[in-house]
Amino acid sequence: MEEWVLSRKKRRIHRPMQRLEKTSDVIRGFTPAWFTVTMGTGITGILMYKFPYPCAPLRYVAMATALFNLILFTLFSVLFLWRLIRYRDFYSILLHPQMSMALGAIPMGMSTLIISLVTMITPYGAPWVPTLSLVLWAVNVALSLLTFFIVPFAVITHQEHTLEKVNATMILPIVSTVVAASTGAIVCTLYDGDIATSIIVVSYSLWGMGLGLSTMVTVVYLLRLTFFKLPPKEAIVSVFIPLGPLGQSSYGIQLLGGQSLRIFPASLPHIKYLGEVLNCIGFFLGLLIWSMAIWWLLQATYSVIYTRILGKVPFNLGWWAFIFPIGTFASSSNSLWNITSYRFFRVVSAIVISALILLWLCVLLNTIRYAWTGELLQPASISQLELQNEVYSDEEHIHIEVSRQSSH
């Protein structure tokens, strides 16, 4: 009996990476999906700092969270670059119908770092913040545009998709431009004149590109849900992802409207009332999109609860789809409170942020637990990825041979 108890205790002791065959699998199993951790951690820290009911201790916690997020982003960047250099499989990742979507999480995770920098360090009067934030934002815009154009092109030219298997992750490489637009509006607060005008114009363009295409993809995803019902329990949390572009678009257009009111009257005086009009449009559209987000938030919450009632939902990295989308809704609510001073938005924002902090802690602790054992780093899909790459290579080879024969 005592031996049985001791054996049970030994089984419960989790050794580092015990689920991996070898330590090098940590690099092989590292995917861009890990950057969703930085997205969720970053936006949680920002919302802690901007909590609608001021709390000094919470601000210090927020700054510690932002520092933790910087460490995570740096670590993940090193691991991902190490994987690309060692295995040279970026093309395989780009052709993979799921891994490629997570590439959009890289610029979005970077956006949270830039916003944290501007929001939390600027009050201390650091003179290097404006320049650094502008340079980082320019890099962020470039990465966002790359994922925005390259990944959808891979989807329609190389990847295999069916309506039944359409996943909400297809929104990730698209919504990155909307997040970059919101980040640009925040960076713009540090500038005036031509630089500020250029930032606003570029941000409006990014916002329009991202909102337009993400709306189209969301319609396709809603069609998939209508015909084929909810996704499997392993991917059920992904139903929250369409909330992201709604909440972020609402938040972004409100910020852009406020900066337009500040910048355009002086920089574009020949266009009368442009700043005032865009500010009004920003609030109006922000409120409408926020209202649409309420519907998706409730539907996604019902869907997860319904699935949980039917059975246990296994933990995976996809659970981070809870955090960032809900965080964008909270950001939009908080912005509406700042604009209107309407207490309703303040209460809603406080409730959502409080729930988000608890949810973030839950997901983070589980991520640490399963990452420690190596379960989240198992390179299970690599063989499939390589096989898919070989299939595409064979198809291209056959196409070339057929073309040569026809030419002769």
Protein backbone atom coordinates (compact mmCIF):
# COMPACT_ATOMS: atom_id res chain seq x y z
CA MET A 1 0.00 0.00 0.00
CA GLU A 2 2.79 2.43 0.93
CA GLU A 3 4.64 1.61 -2.29
CA TRP A 4 1.46 2.35 -4.30
CA VAL A 5 1.07 5.75 -2.58
CA LEU A 6 4.72 6.60 -3.24
CA SER A 7 4.37 5.63 -6.89
CA ARG A 8 1.28 7.84 -7.19
CA LYS A 9 3.16 10.79 -5.69
CA LYS A 10 6.06 10.27 -8.09
CA ARG A 11 3.66 10.37 -11.02
CA ARG A 12 2.34 13.72 -9.88
CA ILE A 13 5.80 15.24 -9.80
CA HIS A 14 6.20 17.07 -13.10
CA ARG A 15 9.75 17.09 -14.39
CA PRO A 16 10.73 19.85 -16.84
CA MET A 17 9.83 18.88 -20.42
CA GLN A 18 8.96 15.33 -19.43
CA ARG A 19 6.50 15.08 -22.32
CA LEU A 20 9.24 15.71 -24.91
CA GLU A 21 11.45 13.01 -26.35
CA LYS A 22 14.46 15.34 -26.41
CA THR A 23 15.21 18.88 -25.30
CA SER A 24 15.66 20.14 -28.86
CA ASP A 25 11.94 19.57 -29.39
CA VAL A 26 11.39 22.83 -27.50
CA ILE A 27 12.68 24.69 -30.55
CA ARG A 28 11.01 22.40 -33.07
CA GLY A 29 7.68 22.64 -31.27
CA PHE A 30 7.74 26.41 -30.86
CA THR A 31 5.16 28.04 -33.14
CA PRO A 32 4.00 31.63 -33.75
CA ALA A 33 0.90 30.82 -31.67
CA TRP A 34 2.99 31.51 -28.58
CA PHE A 35 2.89 35.21 -29.42
CA THR A 36 -0.80 35.20 -28.47
CA VAL A 37 0.53 34.96 -24.91
CA THR A 38 2.20 38.35 -25.34
CA MET A 39 -0.96 39.77 -26.90
CA GLY A 40 -3.07 38.76 -23.92
CA THR A 41 -0.49 39.65 -21.28
CA GLY A 42 0.21 43.01 -22.88
CA ILE A 43 -3.39 44.14 -23.16
CA THR A 44 -4.14 42.96 -19.61
CA GLY A 45 -1.30 45.08 -18.26
CA ILE A 46 -2.47 48.11 -20.25
CA LEU A 47 -6.03 47.76 -18.95
CA MET A 48 -4.75 47.42 -15.38
CA TYR A 49 -2.94 50.72 -15.83
CA LYS A 50 -6.03 52.39 -17.33
CA PHE A 51 -8.51 50.94 -14.85
CA PRO A 52 -11.51 53.33 -14.79
CA TYR A 53 -11.38 53.60 -11.00
CA PRO A 54 -7.82 54.86 -10.28
CA CYS A 55 -5.80 52.54 -8.06
CA ALA A 56 -2.10 53.30 -7.49
CA PRO A 57 -1.07 49.74 -6.45
CA LEU A 58 -2.77 48.33 -9.54
CA ARG A 59 -0.68 50.66 -11.72
CA TYR A 60 2.51 49.26 -10.26
CA VAL A 61 1.22 45.75 -10.94
CA ALA A 62 0.45 46.87 -14.50
CA MET A 63 4.01 48.11 -14.99
CA ALA A 64 5.39 44.83 -13.66
CA THR A 65 3.08 42.98 -16.08
CA ALA A 66 4.36 45.11 -18.97
CA LEU A 67 7.95 44.26 -18.02
CA PHE A 68 7.02 40.58 -17.85
CA ASN A 69 5.45 40.91 -21.29
CA LEU A 70 8.64 42.47 -22.67
CA ILE A 71 10.66 39.52 -21.34
CA LEU A 72 8.19 37.06 -22.88
CA PHE A 73 8.23 38.80 -26.27
CA THR A 74 12.02 38.86 -26.31
CA LEU A 75 12.24 35.18 -25.33
CA PHE A 76 9.64 34.13 -27.90
CA SER A 77 11.35 36.15 -30.64
CA VAL A 78 14.68 34.44 -29.91
CA LEU A 79 13.08 30.98 -29.90
CA PHE A 80 11.16 31.60 -33.11
CA LEU A 81 14.20 33.01 -34.93
CA TRP A 82 16.25 30.09 -33.62
CA ARG A 83 13.71 27.68 -35.08
CA LEU A 84 13.66 29.47 -38.46
CA ILE A 85 17.47 29.52 -38.66
CA ARG A 86 17.93 25.94 -37.49
CA TYR A 87 15.16 24.23 -39.47
CA ARG A 88 14.61 26.75 -42.28
CA ASP A 89 10.91 25.98 -42.39
CA PHE A 90 9.33 29.42 -42.71
CA TYR A 91 7.91 28.43 -46.10
CA SER A 92 6.36 25.32 -44.53
CA ILE A 93 4.84 27.44 -41.76
CA LEU A 94 3.45 29.85 -44.34
CA LEU A 95 1.78 26.99 -46.20
CA HIS A 96 0.31 25.48 -43.04
CA PRO A 97 -3.40 26.42 -42.76
CA GLN A 98 -3.19 26.99 -38.99
CA MET A 99 0.39 27.97 -38.14
CA SER A 100 0.43 30.69 -40.78
CA MET A 101 -2.54 32.46 -39.20
CA ALA A 102 -0.63 32.90 -35.94
CA LEU A 103 2.00 35.00 -37.75
CA GLY A 104 -0.37 37.92 -37.24
CA ALA A 105 0.10 37.57 -33.48
CA ILE A 106 3.72 38.79 -33.76
CA PRO A 107 2.97 42.42 -34.74
CA MET A 108 -0.02 42.51 -32.40
CA GLY A 109 2.11 41.38 -29.48
CA MET A 110 4.60 44.08 -30.44
CA SER A 111 1.79 46.67 -30.46
CA THR A 112 1.06 46.00 -26.80
CA LEU A 113 4.71 46.74 -25.98
CA ILE A 114 4.60 50.06 -27.84
CA ILE A 115 1.36 51.11 -26.13
CA SER A 116 2.81 50.15 -22.74
CA LEU A 117 5.93 52.19 -23.50
CA VAL A 118 3.96 55.31 -24.44
CA THR A 119 1.36 54.97 -21.69
CA MET A 120 3.55 54.00 -18.74
CA ILE A 121 6.94 55.63 -19.41
CA THR A 122 5.92 58.99 -20.90
CA PRO A 123 4.66 60.38 -17.54
CA TYR A 124 8.22 60.04 -16.22
CA GLY A 125 9.52 62.46 -18.86
CA ALA A 126 11.94 60.12 -20.61
CA PRO A 127 13.18 62.08 -23.68
CA TRP A 128 13.86 58.97 -25.76
CA VAL A 129 10.29 57.65 -25.67
CA PRO A 130 8.90 59.57 -28.71
CA THR A 131 11.72 58.50 -31.05
CA LEU A 132 11.80 54.89 -29.88
CA SER A 133 8.02 54.53 -30.04
CA LEU A 134 7.90 55.97 -33.57
CA VAL A 135 10.65 53.64 -34.82
CA LEU A 136 9.01 50.61 -33.21
CA TRP A 137 5.63 51.61 -34.65
CA ALA A 138 7.13 51.86 -38.15
CA VAL A 139 8.53 48.34 -37.78
CA ASN A 140 5.18 47.22 -36.41
CA VAL A 141 3.34 48.65 -39.42
CA ALA A 142 5.72 46.87 -41.78
CA LEU A 143 5.18 43.51 -40.04
CA SER A 144 1.42 44.04 -39.97
CA LEU A 145 1.30 44.78 -43.70
CA LEU A 146 3.45 41.74 -44.46
CA THR A 147 1.09 39.40 -42.63
CA PHE A 148 -1.92 41.26 -44.03
CA PHE A 149 -0.86 40.69 -47.65
CA ILE A 150 1.26 37.53 -47.62
CA VAL A 151 -0.83 35.18 -45.45
CA PRO A 152 -4.17 35.77 -47.26
CA PHE A 153 -2.33 35.31 -50.56
CA ALA A 154 -1.03 31.95 -49.32
CA VAL A 155 -4.57 31.04 -48.27
CA ILE A 156 -6.05 31.60 -51.73
CA THR A 157 -3.14 30.16 -53.74
CA HIS A 158 -1.57 27.27 -51.82
CA GLN A 159 -3.47 26.25 -48.70
CA GLU A 160 -6.37 23.82 -48.66
CA HIS A 161 -9.54 25.11 -46.95
CA THR A 162 -13.17 24.06 -46.89
CA LEU A 163 -16.15 25.92 -45.45
CA GLU A 164 -16.61 23.22 -42.83
CA LYS A 165 -13.05 23.67 -41.56
CA VAL A 166 -12.91 27.46 -41.68
CA ASN A 167 -11.45 28.67 -38.39
CA ALA A 168 -11.71 32.10 -36.79
CA THR A 169 -7.90 32.24 -36.68
CA MET A 170 -8.06 33.41 -40.31
CA ILE A 171 -8.81 36.84 -38.82
CA LEU A 172 -5.46 37.07 -36.98
CA PRO A 173 -3.19 38.15 -39.88
CA ILE A 174 -5.84 40.66 -40.99
CA VAL A 175 -6.73 42.38 -37.72
CA SER A 176 -3.05 43.16 -37.10
CA THR A 177 -3.45 46.31 -39.22
CA VAL A 178 -6.34 47.51 -37.06
CA VAL A 179 -4.21 47.04 -33.95
CA ALA A 180 -1.36 48.92 -35.65
CA ALA A 181 -3.78 51.77 -36.42
CA SER A 182 -4.81 52.05 -32.77
CA THR A 183 -1.15 51.96 -31.77
CA GLY A 184 -0.44 54.75 -34.25
CA ALA A 185 -3.13 56.93 -32.65
CA ILE A 186 -1.43 56.48 -29.27
CA VAL A 187 2.05 57.18 -30.66
CA CYS A 188 0.61 60.31 -32.31
CA THR A 189 -0.06 61.83 -28.87
CA LEU A 190 3.71 62.41 -28.60
CA TYR A 191 3.94 64.43 -31.82
CA ASP A 192 2.60 67.51 -33.61
CA GLY A 193 2.80 68.92 -37.11
CA ASP A 194 3.65 66.91 -40.22
CA ILE A 195 4.79 63.80 -38.35
CA ALA A 196 1.52 63.61 -36.41
CA THR A 197 -0.48 64.18 -39.61
CA SER A 198 1.38 61.39 -41.40
CA ILE A 199 0.82 58.99 -38.49
CA ILE A 200 -2.91 59.72 -38.47
CA VAL A 201 -3.32 59.34 -42.24
CA VAL A 202 -1.43 56.03 -42.26
CA SER A 203 -3.41 54.81 -39.24
CA TYR A 204 -6.74 55.60 -40.89
CA SER A 205 -5.61 53.64 -43.96
CA LEU A 206 -4.57 50.67 -41.82
CA TRP A 207 -7.87 50.81 -39.93
CA GLY A 208 -9.90 50.76 -43.13
CA MET A 209 -7.93 47.89 -44.64
CA GLY A 210 -8.17 45.73 -41.56
CA LEU A 211 -11.82 46.38 -40.72
CA GLY A 212 -12.98 45.80 -44.28
CA LEU A 213 -11.29 42.45 -44.81
CA SER A 214 -11.86 41.17 -41.26
CA THR A 215 -15.59 41.88 -41.68
CA MET A 216 -15.64 39.76 -44.84
CA VAL A 217 -13.86 36.88 -43.10
CA THR A 218 -16.17 37.16 -40.08
CA VAL A 219 -19.17 36.76 -42.40
CA VAL A 220 -17.63 33.60 -43.83
CA TYR A 221 -16.99 32.30 -40.31
CA LEU A 222 -20.56 33.05 -39.25
CA LEU A 223 -21.74 31.15 -42.33
CA ARG A 224 -19.59 28.21 -41.26
CA LEU A 225 -21.14 28.29 -37.78
CA THR A 226 -24.62 28.43 -39.28
CA PHE A 227 -24.17 25.41 -41.55
CA PHE A 228 -21.78 23.26 -39.50
CA LYS A 229 -22.46 24.51 -35.94
CA LEU A 230 -19.89 25.08 -33.24
CA PRO A 231 -16.24 24.03 -33.68
CA PRO A 232 -14.92 21.00 -31.73
CA LYS A 233 -14.30 21.44 -28.03
CA GLU A 234 -10.53 21.67 -28.58
CA ALA A 235 -11.09 24.85 -30.63
CA ILE A 236 -14.26 26.22 -29.03
CA VAL A 237 -12.47 29.21 -27.47
CA SER A 238 -11.70 30.45 -31.00
CA VAL A 239 -15.29 31.69 -31.25
CA PHE A 240 -14.09 34.73 -29.27
CA ILE A 241 -11.62 35.78 -31.98
CA PRO A 242 -14.13 37.76 -34.13
CA LEU A 243 -14.75 39.91 -31.07
CA GLY A 244 -11.19 41.22 -31.50
CA PRO A 245 -11.62 43.20 -34.74
CA LEU A 246 -14.93 44.62 -33.48
CA GLY A 247 -13.57 45.81 -30.14
CA GLN A 248 -10.27 47.01 -31.60
CA SER A 249 -11.96 48.82 -34.51
CA SER A 250 -14.27 50.61 -32.10
CA TYR A 251 -11.36 51.57 -29.86
CA GLY A 252 -9.15 52.63 -32.76
CA ILE A 253 -11.64 54.86 -34.51
CA GLN A 254 -12.38 56.68 -31.26
CA LEU A 255 -8.67 57.34 -30.68
CA LEU A 256 -8.14 58.44 -34.27
CA GLY A 257 -11.10 60.83 -34.03
CA GLY A 258 -9.68 62.45 -30.91
CA GLN A 259 -6.24 62.90 -32.49
CA SER A 260 -7.80 64.27 -35.68
CA LEU A 261 -9.52 66.95 -33.63
CA ARG A 262 -6.15 67.87 -32.10
CA ILE A 263 -3.99 67.74 -35.24
CA PHE A 264 -5.99 68.57 -38.38
CA PRO A 265 -7.21 72.11 -37.60
CA ALA A 266 -3.58 73.27 -37.54
CA SER A 267 -2.02 70.92 -40.11
CA LEU A 268 -4.89 70.93 -42.66
CA PRO A 269 -6.62 74.30 -42.17
CA HIS A 270 -7.82 74.42 -45.80
CA ILE A 271 -10.17 71.49 -45.06
CA LYS A 272 -12.62 73.18 -42.74
CA TYR A 273 -14.06 71.28 -39.81
CA LEU A 274 -12.22 68.10 -40.79
CA GLY A 275 -11.05 67.42 -37.24
CA GLU A 276 -14.47 68.08 -35.73
CA VAL A 277 -16.22 65.86 -38.27
CA LEU A 278 -13.79 62.98 -37.85
CA ASN A 279 -14.05 63.24 -34.08
CA CYS A 280 -17.84 62.97 -34.27
CA ILE A 281 -17.60 60.09 -36.75
CA GLY A 282 -15.12 58.36 -34.47
CA PHE A 283 -17.47 58.45 -31.53
CA PHE A 284 -20.52 57.47 -33.60
CA LEU A 285 -18.84 54.55 -35.38
CA GLY A 286 -17.12 53.51 -32.18
CA LEU A 287 -20.45 53.25 -30.40
CA LEU A 288 -22.07 51.32 -33.25
CA ILE A 289 -19.23 48.81 -33.56
CA TRP A 290 -19.12 48.45 -29.76
CA SER A 291 -22.81 47.54 -29.87
CA MET A 292 -22.10 44.87 -32.49
CA ALA A 293 -19.33 43.54 -30.27
CA ILE A 294 -21.82 43.01 -27.43
CA TRP A 295 -23.71 40.48 -29.56
CA TRP A 296 -20.56 38.53 -30.41
CA LEU A 297 -19.33 38.63 -26.81
CA LEU A 298 -22.57 37.11 -25.53
CA GLN A 299 -22.79 34.51 -28.31
CA ALA A 300 -19.19 33.41 -27.74
CA THR A 301 -19.74 33.21 -23.97
CA TYR A 302 -22.89 31.12 -24.44
CA SER A 303 -21.05 28.85 -26.90
CA VAL A 304 -18.19 28.11 -24.50
CA ILE A 305 -20.55 27.52 -21.56
CA TYR A 306 -22.74 25.24 -23.71
CA THR A 307 -19.71 23.22 -24.82
CA ARG A 308 -18.42 23.00 -21.25
CA ILE A 309 -21.79 21.61 -20.10
CA LEU A 310 -21.53 18.87 -22.72
CA GLY A 311 -18.04 17.87 -21.59
CA LYS A 312 -14.62 18.97 -20.43
CA VAL A 313 -12.76 21.47 -22.62
CA PRO A 314 -9.07 20.49 -22.82
CA PHE A 315 -6.50 23.22 -22.27
CA ASN A 316 -4.26 24.36 -25.11
CA LEU A 317 -2.70 27.58 -26.39
CA GLY A 318 -6.00 28.39 -28.06
CA TRP A 319 -7.33 29.48 -24.65
CA TRP A 320 -5.45 32.74 -25.15
CA ALA A 321 -8.20 33.58 -27.63
CA PHE A 322 -10.17 34.52 -24.52
CA ILE A 323 -7.87 37.33 -23.47
CA PHE A 324 -7.07 39.74 -26.28
CA PRO A 325 -10.56 39.91 -27.86
CA ILE A 326 -12.22 40.55 -24.48
CA GLY A 327 -9.46 43.08 -23.78
CA THR A 328 -10.31 45.02 -26.94
CA PHE A 329 -13.95 45.21 -25.85
CA ALA A 330 -12.86 46.53 -22.46
CA SER A 331 -10.60 49.10 -24.15
CA SER A 332 -13.49 50.31 -26.29
CA SER A 333 -15.77 50.54 -23.26
CA ASN A 334 -13.14 52.47 -21.33
CA SER A 335 -12.66 54.86 -24.25
CA LEU A 336 -16.40 55.51 -24.43
CA TRP A 337 -16.32 56.35 -20.72
CA ASN A 338 -13.47 58.80 -21.27
CA ILE A 339 -15.34 60.51 -24.10
CA THR A 340 -18.84 60.66 -22.63
CA SER A 341 -18.22 60.49 -18.86
CA TYR A 342 -21.31 58.27 -18.86
CA ARG A 343 -21.14 56.11 -15.73
CA PHE A 344 -22.62 53.09 -17.49
CA PHE A 345 -19.50 52.69 -19.65
CA ARG A 346 -17.30 53.12 -16.59
CA VAL A 347 -19.04 50.32 -14.72
CA VAL A 348 -19.07 48.01 -17.74
CA SER A 349 -15.38 48.66 -18.32
CA ALA A 350 -14.50 47.98 -14.67
CA ILE A 351 -16.46 44.72 -14.61
CA VAL A 352 -14.98 43.43 -17.86
CA ILE A 353 -11.42 44.36 -16.88
CA SER A 354 -11.79 42.70 -13.47
CA ALA A 355 -13.10 39.51 -15.08
CA LEU A 356 -10.32 39.70 -17.66
CA ILE A 357 -7.61 39.88 -15.00
CA LEU A 358 -8.94 36.75 -13.31
CA LEU A 359 -9.26 34.94 -16.63
CA TRP A 360 -5.73 35.99 -17.61
CA LEU A 361 -4.33 34.61 -14.36
CA CYS A 362 -6.14 31.32 -14.91
CA VAL A 363 -4.90 30.93 -18.50
CA LEU A 364 -1.37 32.07 -17.61
CA LEU A 365 -1.00 29.59 -14.73
CA ASN A 366 -2.23 26.73 -16.91
CA THR A 367 0.12 27.79 -19.68
CA ILE A 368 3.08 27.74 -17.28
CA ARG A 369 1.99 24.35 -15.97
CA TYR A 370 1.67 22.67 -19.36
CA ALA A 371 4.71 24.43 -20.82
CA TRP A 372 6.76 23.16 -17.87
CA THR A 373 5.91 19.57 -18.73
CA GLY A 374 6.45 20.21 -22.44
CA GLU A 375 2.90 19.33 -23.40
CA LEU A 376 2.42 22.67 -25.19
CA LEU A 377 5.72 22.28 -27.03
CA GLN A 378 5.24 18.88 -28.60
CA PRO A 379 6.12 19.09 -32.32
CA ALA A 380 3.17 16.87 -33.22
CA SER A 381 2.19 18.62 -36.41
CA ILE A 382 5.67 18.93 -37.90
CA SER A 383 5.46 15.71 -39.90
CA GLN A 384 2.17 16.82 -41.38
CA LEU A 385 3.65 20.22 -42.14
CA GLU A 386 6.63 18.68 -43.94
CA LEU A 387 4.38 16.28 -45.82
CA GLN A 388 2.19 19.16 -46.94
CA ASN A 389 5.27 21.02 -48.16
CA GLU A 390 6.36 17.94 -50.14
CA VAL A 391 2.89 17.67 -51.70
CA TYR A 392 3.01 21.28 -52.82
CA SER A 393 6.53 20.80 -54.17
CA ASP A 394 5.40 17.69 -56.11
CA GLU A 395 2.40 19.56 -57.50
CA GLU A 396 4.60 22.42 -58.65
CA HIS A 397 7.05 19.92 -60.23
CA ILE A 398 4.22 18.16 -62.07
CA HIS A 399 2.85 21.51 -63.24
CA ILE A 400 6.27 22.46 -64.62
CA GLU A 401 6.66 19.12 -66.41
CA VAL A 402 3.21 19.38 -67.97
CA SER A 403 3.98 22.91 -69.12
CA ARG A 404 7.24 21.74 -70.73
CA GLN A 405 5.51 18.86 -72.54
CA SER A 406 2.74 21.10 -73.82
CA SER A 407 5.31 23.62 -75.07
CA HIS A 408 7.07 20.86 -77.06
